[in-house]
N, C-alpha and C. Protein backbone atom coordinates (compact mmCIF):
# COMPACT_ATOMS: atom_id res chain seq x y z
N UNK A 1 0.80 -1.41 0.12
CA UNK A 1 0.17 -0.01 -0.33
C UNK A 1 0.92 1.59 -0.14
N UNK A 2 2.11 1.13 1.14
CA UNK A 2 2.90 2.40 0.79
C UNK A 2 3.29 2.86 -0.31
N UNK A 3 4.07 1.50 -1.15
CA UNK A 3 4.43 1.71 -2.63
C UNK A 3 3.72 2.42 -3.51
N UNK A 4 2.41 1.86 -3.39
CA UNK A 4 1.37 2.59 -4.26
C UNK A 4 1.03 4.05 -3.60
N UNK A 5 1.07 4.20 -2.96
CA UNK A 5 0.89 5.28 -2.36
C UNK A 5 1.93 6.54 -3.16
N UNK A 6 3.01 6.08 -2.89
CA UNK A 6 4.28 6.81 -3.67
C UNK A 6 4.22 6.87 -5.12
N UNK A 7 3.66 6.53 -5.56
CA UNK A 7 3.45 6.44 -7.01
C UNK A 7 2.15 7.49 -7.22
N UNK A 8 1.63 7.83 -6.25
CA UNK A 8 0.61 8.92 -6.67
C UNK A 8 1.64 10.00 -6.63
N UNK A 9 0.60 11.08 -7.67
CA UNK A 9 1.21 12.66 -7.78
C UNK A 9 1.06 13.20 -6.20
N UNK A 10 2.06 14.48 -6.02
CA UNK A 10 2.25 14.85 -4.63
C UNK A 10 1.06 15.33 -3.96
N UNK A 11 0.18 15.90 -4.83
CA UNK A 11 -0.85 16.74 -4.52
C UNK A 11 -1.64 16.03 -3.90
N UNK A 12 -1.70 14.50 -4.76
CA UNK A 12 -3.25 13.58 -4.38
C UNK A 12 -2.40 13.08 -2.73
N UNK A 13 -1.37 12.77 -2.94
CA UNK A 13 -0.64 12.20 -1.49
C UNK A 13 -1.30 13.17 -0.47
N UNK A 14 -1.13 14.70 -0.40
CA UNK A 14 -1.16 15.51 0.22
C UNK A 14 -2.98 15.52 0.27
N UNK A 15 -3.57 15.35 -0.51
CA UNK A 15 -5.08 15.30 -0.19
C UNK A 15 -5.31 14.10 0.61
N UNK A 16 -4.62 13.31 0.23
CA UNK A 16 -5.47 11.68 0.94
C UNK A 16 -4.49 12.15 2.66
N UNK A 17 -3.54 12.68 2.67
CA UNK A 17 -3.19 13.08 4.23
C UNK A 17 -4.12 13.63 4.72
N UNK A 18 -4.35 15.15 4.43
CA UNK A 18 -5.75 16.10 4.68
C UNK A 18 -6.79 15.38 5.00
N UNK A 19 -6.98 14.15 4.26
CA UNK A 19 -8.37 13.84 4.37
C UNK A 19 -8.49 12.92 5.39
N UNK A 20 -7.45 12.07 6.05
CA UNK A 20 -7.09 11.16 6.99
C UNK A 20 -7.20 11.85 8.28
N UNK A 21 -6.35 13.49 8.27
CA UNK A 21 -6.31 14.33 9.64
C UNK A 21 -7.85 14.41 9.68
N UNK A 22 -8.65 15.00 8.88
CA UNK A 22 -10.18 15.43 9.22
C UNK A 22 -10.98 14.54 9.53
N UNK A 23 -10.80 13.09 8.97
CA UNK A 23 -11.23 12.01 9.64
C UNK A 23 -10.89 12.09 11.43
N UNK A 24 -9.80 12.00 11.48
CA UNK A 24 -9.39 11.90 13.04
C UNK A 24 -9.93 13.10 13.82
N UNK A 25 -10.12 14.27 12.89
CA UNK A 25 -10.25 15.41 14.11
C UNK A 25 -12.17 15.45 14.05
N UNK A 26 -12.76 14.43 12.93
CA UNK A 26 -13.99 14.84 12.89
C UNK A 26 -14.20 13.30 14.27
N UNK A 27 -13.79 12.27 14.21
CA UNK A 27 -13.92 11.28 15.72
C UNK A 27 -13.77 12.22 16.69
N UNK A 28 -12.67 13.24 16.67
CA UNK A 28 -12.38 13.76 18.47
C UNK A 28 -13.34 14.52 18.69
N UNK A 29 -13.97 15.27 17.71
CA UNK A 29 -15.09 16.45 17.84
C UNK A 29 -16.63 15.63 18.30
N UNK A 30 -16.61 14.42 17.54
CA UNK A 30 -17.85 13.59 17.88
C UNK A 30 -17.42 13.12 19.45
N UNK A 31 -16.52 12.45 19.57
CA UNK A 31 -16.13 11.89 20.84
C UNK A 31 -16.44 12.79 22.27
N UNK A 32 -16.03 14.09 21.78
CA UNK A 32 -16.08 15.50 22.97
C UNK A 32 -17.52 15.69 22.81
N UNK A 33 -18.23 15.67 21.74
CA UNK A 33 -19.53 15.88 22.16
C UNK A 33 -20.50 14.93 22.73
N UNK A 34 -19.92 13.78 22.49
CA UNK A 34 -20.83 12.64 22.92
C UNK A 34 -20.61 12.65 24.62
N UNK A 35 -19.53 13.01 25.24
CA UNK A 35 -19.12 13.38 26.08
C UNK A 35 -20.09 14.06 27.19
N UNK A 36 -20.05 15.66 26.30
CA UNK A 36 -20.84 16.77 26.73
C UNK A 36 -22.17 16.23 26.90
N UNK A 37 -22.63 15.47 26.01
CA UNK A 37 -23.93 15.40 25.91
C UNK A 37 -24.68 14.70 26.98
N UNK A 38 -23.46 13.39 27.49
CA UNK A 38 -24.19 12.66 28.53
C UNK A 38 -23.74 13.54 30.14
N UNK A 39 -22.51 14.37 29.72
CA UNK A 39 -22.71 15.54 31.08
C UNK A 39 -23.86 16.11 31.01
N UNK A 40 -24.15 16.66 29.86
CA UNK A 40 -25.88 17.31 30.32
C UNK A 40 -26.92 16.55 30.65
N UNK A 41 -26.74 15.33 30.19
CA UNK A 41 -27.90 14.44 30.79
C UNK A 41 -27.60 14.21 31.82
N UNK A 42 -26.68 14.32 32.91
CA UNK A 42 -26.45 14.04 34.19
C UNK A 42 -27.18 15.26 34.72
N UNK A 43 -26.60 16.50 34.73
CA UNK A 43 -26.80 17.73 34.72
C UNK A 43 -28.66 17.84 34.76
N UNK A 44 -28.81 17.49 33.70
CA UNK A 44 -30.81 17.85 33.81
C UNK A 44 -31.75 16.83 34.94
N UNK A 45 -30.71 15.51 34.86
CA UNK A 45 -31.56 14.41 36.10
C UNK A 45 -31.20 15.31 37.32
N UNK A 46 -30.33 15.70 37.49
CA UNK A 46 -30.09 16.47 38.97
C UNK A 46 -30.88 17.27 39.56
N UNK A 47 -31.30 18.25 38.17
CA UNK A 47 -32.30 19.58 38.25
C UNK A 47 -33.33 18.69 38.38
N UNK A 48 -33.68 18.19 37.88
CA UNK A 48 -35.25 17.38 37.97
C UNK A 48 -35.24 16.64 39.42
N UNK A 49 -34.17 16.03 40.12
CA UNK A 49 -34.40 15.68 41.04
C UNK A 49 -34.21 16.65 42.65
N UNK A 50 -33.56 18.21 41.93
CA UNK A 50 -34.19 19.06 42.49
C UNK A 50 -35.24 19.55 43.18
N UNK A 51 -35.67 19.28 41.99
CA UNK A 51 -36.89 20.24 42.18
C UNK A 51 -38.53 19.40 43.18
N UNK A 52 -37.70 18.00 42.90
CA UNK A 52 -38.48 17.45 43.78
C UNK A 52 -38.58 17.33 45.61
N UNK A 53 -37.41 18.24 45.74
CA UNK A 53 -36.91 18.44 47.11
C UNK A 53 -37.60 19.43 47.78
N UNK A 54 -37.66 19.51 49.04
CA UNK A 54 -37.60 20.81 49.41
C UNK A 54 -36.76 21.59 49.99
N UNK A 55 -37.03 23.04 50.36
CA UNK A 55 -36.01 23.88 50.36
C UNK A 55 -35.14 24.04 51.68
N UNK A 56 -35.95 22.84 52.16
CA UNK A 56 -35.01 22.84 53.86
C UNK A 56 -33.99 21.40 53.51
N UNK A 57 -33.95 20.73 52.18
CA UNK A 57 -33.11 19.57 52.24
C UNK A 57 -31.68 19.46 52.37
N UNK A 58 -31.17 18.57 52.65
CA UNK A 58 -29.86 18.37 53.04
C UNK A 58 -29.04 17.97 51.66
N UNK A 59 -28.47 19.11 50.89
CA UNK A 59 -27.57 18.41 49.65
C UNK A 59 -26.34 18.71 50.14
N UNK A 60 -25.20 18.04 49.55
CA UNK A 60 -23.61 17.66 49.22
C UNK A 60 -23.35 17.77 47.94
N UNK A 61 -22.31 18.35 47.73
CA UNK A 61 -21.67 18.82 46.48
C UNK A 61 -19.95 18.01 46.76
N UNK A 62 -20.09 17.22 45.66
CA UNK A 62 -18.70 16.67 45.64
C UNK A 62 -17.56 17.77 45.22
N UNK A 63 -16.55 17.87 45.81
CA UNK A 63 -15.50 19.47 45.31
C UNK A 63 -14.33 17.99 45.73
N UNK A 64 -13.46 17.56 44.45
CA UNK A 64 -12.22 16.70 44.92
C UNK A 64 -12.75 15.65 45.84
N UNK A 65 -12.32 15.49 46.76
CA UNK A 65 -12.60 13.91 47.86
C UNK A 65 -13.41 14.56 48.72
N UNK A 66 -13.74 15.78 48.69
CA UNK A 66 -14.44 16.18 49.93
C UNK A 66 -16.11 16.44 49.53
N UNK A 67 -17.24 16.05 50.22
CA UNK A 67 -18.30 16.26 50.17
C UNK A 67 -18.52 17.70 51.02
N UNK A 68 -19.15 18.61 50.80
CA UNK A 68 -19.54 19.90 50.73
C UNK A 68 -20.71 20.01 51.01
N UNK A 69 -21.48 20.65 52.23
CA UNK A 69 -23.19 20.59 51.81
C UNK A 69 -23.28 22.11 51.66
N UNK A 70 -24.32 21.85 50.83
CA UNK A 70 -24.60 23.31 50.11
C UNK A 70 -26.31 23.66 50.26
N UNK A 71 -26.48 25.06 50.02
CA UNK A 71 -28.15 24.94 49.70
C UNK A 71 -29.00 24.76 48.45
N UNK A 72 -29.82 24.49 48.54
CA UNK A 72 -30.88 24.43 46.89
C UNK A 72 -30.53 24.79 46.10
N UNK A 73 -30.86 26.42 46.44
CA UNK A 73 -30.44 27.58 45.34
C UNK A 73 -29.17 27.62 44.91
N UNK A 74 -28.62 27.70 45.82
CA UNK A 74 -27.02 27.61 45.20
C UNK A 74 -26.56 26.75 44.56
N UNK A 75 -26.82 25.38 44.71
CA UNK A 75 -26.62 24.12 43.78
C UNK A 75 -27.54 24.37 42.55
N UNK A 76 -28.67 24.66 42.50
CA UNK A 76 -29.46 24.93 41.67
C UNK A 76 -29.30 25.61 40.45
N UNK A 77 -28.62 26.86 40.65
CA UNK A 77 -28.13 27.76 40.07
C UNK A 77 -26.70 27.39 39.39
N UNK A 78 -25.73 26.92 40.19
CA UNK A 78 -24.71 26.21 39.43
C UNK A 78 -24.77 25.34 38.53
N UNK A 79 -25.74 24.52 38.48
CA UNK A 79 -26.12 23.21 38.02
C UNK A 79 -26.93 24.56 36.32
N UNK A 80 -27.47 25.29 36.86
CA UNK A 80 -28.43 26.11 35.41
C UNK A 80 -27.13 26.49 34.54
N UNK A 81 -26.09 27.45 35.29
CA UNK A 81 -25.12 27.76 34.43
C UNK A 81 -24.24 26.42 33.57
N UNK A 82 -24.03 25.51 34.68
CA UNK A 82 -23.26 24.40 34.18
C UNK A 82 -24.20 23.57 32.83
N UNK A 83 -25.29 23.92 32.74
CA UNK A 83 -26.08 23.40 31.87
C UNK A 83 -26.16 24.34 30.56
N UNK A 84 -26.38 25.97 30.54
CA UNK A 84 -25.93 26.47 29.84
C UNK A 84 -24.73 26.54 29.45
N UNK A 85 -23.46 26.25 30.07
CA UNK A 85 -22.21 26.30 29.33
C UNK A 85 -22.07 25.00 28.47
N UNK A 86 -22.69 24.06 28.73
CA UNK A 86 -22.65 22.67 28.58
C UNK A 86 -23.46 22.92 26.96
N UNK A 87 -24.51 23.54 26.75
CA UNK A 87 -25.26 23.31 25.56
C UNK A 87 -24.52 24.84 24.62
N UNK A 88 -23.85 25.06 25.15
CA UNK A 88 -23.15 26.39 24.11
C UNK A 88 -22.05 25.39 23.51
N UNK A 89 -21.27 24.45 24.12
CA UNK A 89 -20.03 23.94 24.05
C UNK A 89 -20.32 22.68 22.98
N UNK A 90 -21.72 22.41 23.04
CA UNK A 90 -22.24 21.21 22.18
C UNK A 90 -22.67 21.87 20.87
N UNK A 91 -22.93 23.42 21.43
CA UNK A 91 -23.56 23.68 19.76
C UNK A 91 -22.22 24.29 18.93
N UNK A 92 -21.59 24.62 19.26
CA UNK A 92 -19.93 25.09 18.86
C UNK A 92 -19.34 23.80 18.05
N UNK A 93 -19.33 22.71 19.29
CA UNK A 93 -18.95 21.21 18.70
C UNK A 93 -19.67 20.88 17.51
N UNK A 94 -21.16 21.45 17.36
CA UNK A 94 -22.03 20.80 16.34
C UNK A 94 -21.56 21.58 14.92
N UNK A 95 -21.26 22.93 15.01
CA UNK A 95 -21.14 24.15 13.80
C UNK A 95 -19.73 23.08 13.11
N UNK A 96 -18.71 22.99 14.28
CA UNK A 96 -17.71 22.28 14.14
C UNK A 96 -17.50 21.11 13.06
N UNK A 97 -18.26 20.00 13.48
CA UNK A 97 -18.91 18.93 13.06
C UNK A 97 -19.34 19.40 11.58
N UNK A 98 -19.70 19.87 11.75
CA UNK A 98 -20.97 20.23 10.29
C UNK A 98 -19.88 20.91 9.38
N UNK A 99 -18.82 21.51 9.42
CA UNK A 99 -18.03 22.04 8.66
C UNK A 99 -16.58 20.70 8.48
N UNK A 100 -16.33 20.17 9.31
CA UNK A 100 -16.02 18.94 8.63
C UNK A 100 -16.19 18.21 8.21
N UNK A 101 -17.65 17.74 8.36
CA UNK A 101 -17.84 17.13 7.22
C UNK A 101 -18.25 17.44 5.87
N UNK A 102 -18.68 18.55 5.37
CA UNK A 102 -18.72 19.22 4.46
C UNK A 102 -17.24 19.12 3.88
N UNK A 103 -16.06 19.95 4.41
CA UNK A 103 -14.65 19.32 4.11
C UNK A 103 -14.27 18.03 3.73
N UNK A 104 -15.17 17.52 4.26
CA UNK A 104 -14.50 15.68 4.00
C UNK A 104 -15.09 15.25 2.69
N UNK A 105 -16.34 15.69 2.64
CA UNK A 105 -17.09 15.61 1.51
C UNK A 105 -16.08 16.42 -0.01
N UNK A 106 -16.12 17.39 0.12
CA UNK A 106 -15.52 18.04 -0.88
C UNK A 106 -14.02 17.08 -0.88
N UNK A 107 -13.46 17.23 0.05
CA UNK A 107 -12.10 16.62 -0.21
C UNK A 107 -12.28 15.18 -0.96
N UNK A 108 -13.45 14.43 -0.32
CA UNK A 108 -13.68 12.97 -1.26
C UNK A 108 -13.73 12.74 -2.49
N UNK A 109 -14.71 14.01 -3.08
CA UNK A 109 -15.14 14.03 -4.16
C UNK A 109 -13.47 14.27 -5.03
N UNK A 110 -12.92 15.25 -4.53
CA UNK A 110 -11.70 15.85 -5.41
C UNK A 110 -10.74 14.35 -5.35
N UNK A 111 -10.82 13.67 -4.41
CA UNK A 111 -9.57 12.51 -4.27
C UNK A 111 -10.24 11.34 -5.10
N UNK A 112 -11.96 11.59 -5.37
CA UNK A 112 -12.56 10.22 -6.26
C UNK A 112 -11.91 10.85 -7.94
N UNK A 113 -12.06 12.18 -8.15
CA UNK A 113 -11.59 12.39 -9.32
C UNK A 113 -10.28 12.27 -9.83
N UNK A 114 -9.47 12.65 -8.45
CA UNK A 114 -7.89 12.18 -8.78
C UNK A 114 -7.49 10.73 -9.02
N UNK A 115 -8.35 10.05 -8.63
CA UNK A 115 -7.94 8.50 -8.39
C UNK A 115 -8.86 7.87 -9.44
N UNK A 116 -9.83 8.25 -10.12
CA UNK A 116 -10.54 7.96 -11.18
C UNK A 116 -9.44 7.29 -11.93
N UNK A 117 -9.78 5.92 -13.06
CA UNK A 117 -8.65 5.66 -13.95
C UNK A 117 -9.18 6.51 -15.40
N UNK A 118 -7.94 6.80 -15.75
CA UNK A 118 -8.33 7.53 -17.01
C UNK A 118 -8.58 6.99 -18.16
N UNK A 119 -9.88 7.08 -18.68
CA UNK A 119 -10.21 6.23 -20.08
C UNK A 119 -9.42 6.48 -21.38
N UNK A 120 -9.08 5.48 -21.96
CA UNK A 120 -8.19 5.62 -23.21
C UNK A 120 -9.16 5.97 -24.18
């Protein structure tokens, strides 16, 4: 395979390399987005649970290896801020994903043209 690759014109080799790099970047973006979506689900579940608790409920927040007592209002505010941040980051990653997919599609079309056998 490496020998076949070296017989390709340098421009095609560069496109192939760029294509592989874009695929790796897309995979990384998708992984990050998935992790953030999971965290967002956890935040939403925590907010739902907090709705069911009374104002005088005892709530502890994990900070490193410590559990610290916090008020319901404070933890609710913190979780809502976290949810906002997560939504914003997921949105940014979604736009990045769209751009990468578009770039991959364009590059794939160019590579298919480059690698198409020449008809006699």
